[in-house]
C-alpha atoms as a PDB file:
ATOM      1  CA  MET A   1      -0.295   0.078  -0.246  1.00  0.00           C
ATOM      2  CA  ASN A   2       1.657   3.030  -0.801  1.00  0.00           C
ATOM      3  CA  PRO A   3       3.145   4.550   2.453  1.00  0.00           C
ATOM      4  CA  LYS A   4       0.719   8.097   1.966  1.00  0.00           C
ATOM      5  CA  VAL A   5      -2.253   6.579   2.227  1.00  0.00           C
ATOM      6  CA  VAL A   6      -1.248   4.258   4.901  1.00  0.00           C
ATOM      7  CA  GLU A   7      -0.286   8.157   6.907  1.00  0.00           C
ATOM      8  CA  LEU A   8      -3.521   9.683   5.915  1.00  0.00           C
ATOM      9  CA  ALA A   9      -5.605   6.077   7.565  1.00  0.00           C
ATOM     10  CA  LEU A  10      -3.901   6.329  10.930  1.00  0.00           C
ATOM     11  CA  LYS A  11      -4.045  10.487  11.084  1.00  0.00           C
ATOM     12  CA  LYS A  12      -7.433   9.361  10.519  1.00  0.00           C
ATOM     13  CA  GLN A  13      -7.503   6.637  13.092  1.00  0.00           C
ATOM     14  CA  ARG A  14      -5.782   9.316  16.038  1.00  0.00           C
ATOM     15  CA  LEU A  15      -8.355  12.147  15.265  1.00  0.00           C
ATOM     16  CA  GLN A  16     -11.397   9.565  15.687  1.00  0.00           C
ATOM     17  CA  LEU A  17      -9.526   7.955  18.776  1.00  0.00           C
ATOM     18  CA  GLN A  18      -9.383  11.445  20.025  1.00  0.00           C
ATOM     19  CA  ALA A  19     -12.438  12.509  19.358  1.00  0.00           C
ATOM     20  CA  ALA A  20     -14.455   9.431  21.174  1.00  0.00           C
ATOM     21  CA  ALA A  21     -11.446  10.491  23.930  1.00  0.00           C
ATOM     22  CA  GLN A  22     -13.177  14.103  24.903  1.00  0.00           C
ATOM     23  CA  ARG A  23     -16.959  12.513  24.206  1.00  0.00           C
ATOM     24  CA  TRP A  24     -15.893   9.737  26.907  1.00  0.00           C
ATOM     25  CA  SER A  25     -13.675  12.297  29.286  1.00  0.00           C
ATOM     26  CA  VAL A  26     -11.235   9.666  29.294  1.00  0.00           C
ATOM     27  CA  PRO A  27      -7.347   9.706  28.222  1.00  0.00           C
ATOM     28  CA  VAL A  28      -6.772   8.257  24.374  1.00  0.00           C
ATOM     29  CA  GLY A  29      -4.371   5.593  26.025  1.00  0.00           C
ATOM     30  CA  GLU A  30      -6.990   4.117  27.079  1.00  0.00           C
ATOM     31  CA  LEU A  31      -8.937   2.791  23.869  1.00  0.00           C
ATOM     32  CA  THR A  32      -8.585   0.331  22.139  1.00  0.00           C
ATOM     33  CA  THR A  33      -9.261  -0.454  18.147  1.00  0.00           C
ATOM     34  CA  SER A  34     -10.902  -3.564  16.445  1.00  0.00           C
ATOM     35  CA  SER A  35     -13.060  -4.116  13.625  1.00  0.00           C
ATOM     36  CA  GLY A  36     -14.274  -0.465  12.975  1.00  0.00           C
ATOM     37  CA  ARG A  37     -15.062  -0.410  15.911  1.00  0.00           C
ATOM     38  CA  ILE A  38     -13.751   2.004  19.210  1.00  0.00           C
ATOM     39  CA  THR A  39     -13.957   0.538  22.326  1.00  0.00           C
ATOM     40  CA  HIS A  40     -13.143   1.824  26.050  1.00  0.00           C
ATOM     41  CA  SER A  41     -12.959  -1.431  28.225  1.00  0.00           C
ATOM     42  CA  ALA A  42     -12.952  -0.037  32.039  1.00  0.00           C
ATOM     43  CA  SER A  43     -16.564   1.418  31.296  1.00  0.00           C
ATOM     44  CA  GLY A  44     -17.384  -1.046  28.313  1.00  0.00           C
ATOM     45  CA  ARG A  45     -18.388   1.839  26.042  1.00  0.00           C
ATOM     46  CA  THR A  46     -17.535   1.279  22.373  1.00  0.00           C
ATOM     47  CA  CYS A  47     -18.615   3.143  19.108  1.00  0.00           C
ATOM     48  CA  GLY A  48     -18.132   2.958  15.521  1.00  0.00           C
ATOM     49  CA  TYR A  49     -15.784   5.822  13.475  1.00  0.00           C
ATOM     50  CA  GLY A  50     -18.236   6.756  11.657  1.00  0.00           C
ATOM     51  CA  GLU A  51     -20.092   7.517  14.849  1.00  0.00           C
ATOM     52  CA  VAL A  52     -17.537  10.622  16.003  1.00  0.00           C
ATOM     53  CA  ALA A  53     -16.600  11.185  11.939  1.00  0.00           C
ATOM     54  CA  SER A  54     -18.359  14.949  12.762  1.00  0.00           C
ATOM     55  CA  ALA A  55     -16.177  15.596  16.043  1.00  0.00           C
ATOM     56  CA  ALA A  56     -13.265  14.047  14.614  1.00  0.00           C
ATOM     57  CA  ALA A  57     -13.110  16.090  11.312  1.00  0.00           C
ATOM     58  CA  GLN A  58     -12.838  18.979  13.769  1.00  0.00           C
ATOM     59  CA  LEU A  59      -9.805  18.264  15.696  1.00  0.00           C
ATOM     60  CA  LEU A  60      -6.957  19.291  13.513  1.00  0.00           C
ATOM     61  CA  PRO A  61      -3.923  19.971  13.033  1.00  0.00           C
ATOM     62  CA  CYS A  62      -3.350  15.909  13.577  1.00  0.00           C
ATOM     63  CA  PRO A  63      -2.514  15.033  17.543  1.00  0.00           C
ATOM     64  CA  THR A  64       1.151  13.365  17.494  1.00  0.00           C
ATOM     65  CA  GLY A  65       1.951  10.411  19.102  1.00  0.00           C
ATOM     66  CA  ALA A  66       1.489   6.516  18.951  1.00  0.00           C
ATOM     67  CA  LEU A  67      -1.557   4.719  18.688  1.00  0.00           C
ATOM     68  CA  PRO A  68      -2.722   2.975  21.585  1.00  0.00           C
ATOM     69  CA  ALA A  69      -2.535  -1.336  20.998  1.00  0.00           C
END
């Protein structure tokens, strides 16, 4: 896959994670992703990427840092 496409996909995912973290008032590092879903295991909350897309679009520029495992 094209490295630029991968980079953009990772940036998009970081924004979606940040939006979910803000929605739930939890640290981004406590979130995980799998099969198009974002999960906060400690609270049992989960949402799809699309559910935070609008909020993520407002979070530019993209935050830096590693993605959660």
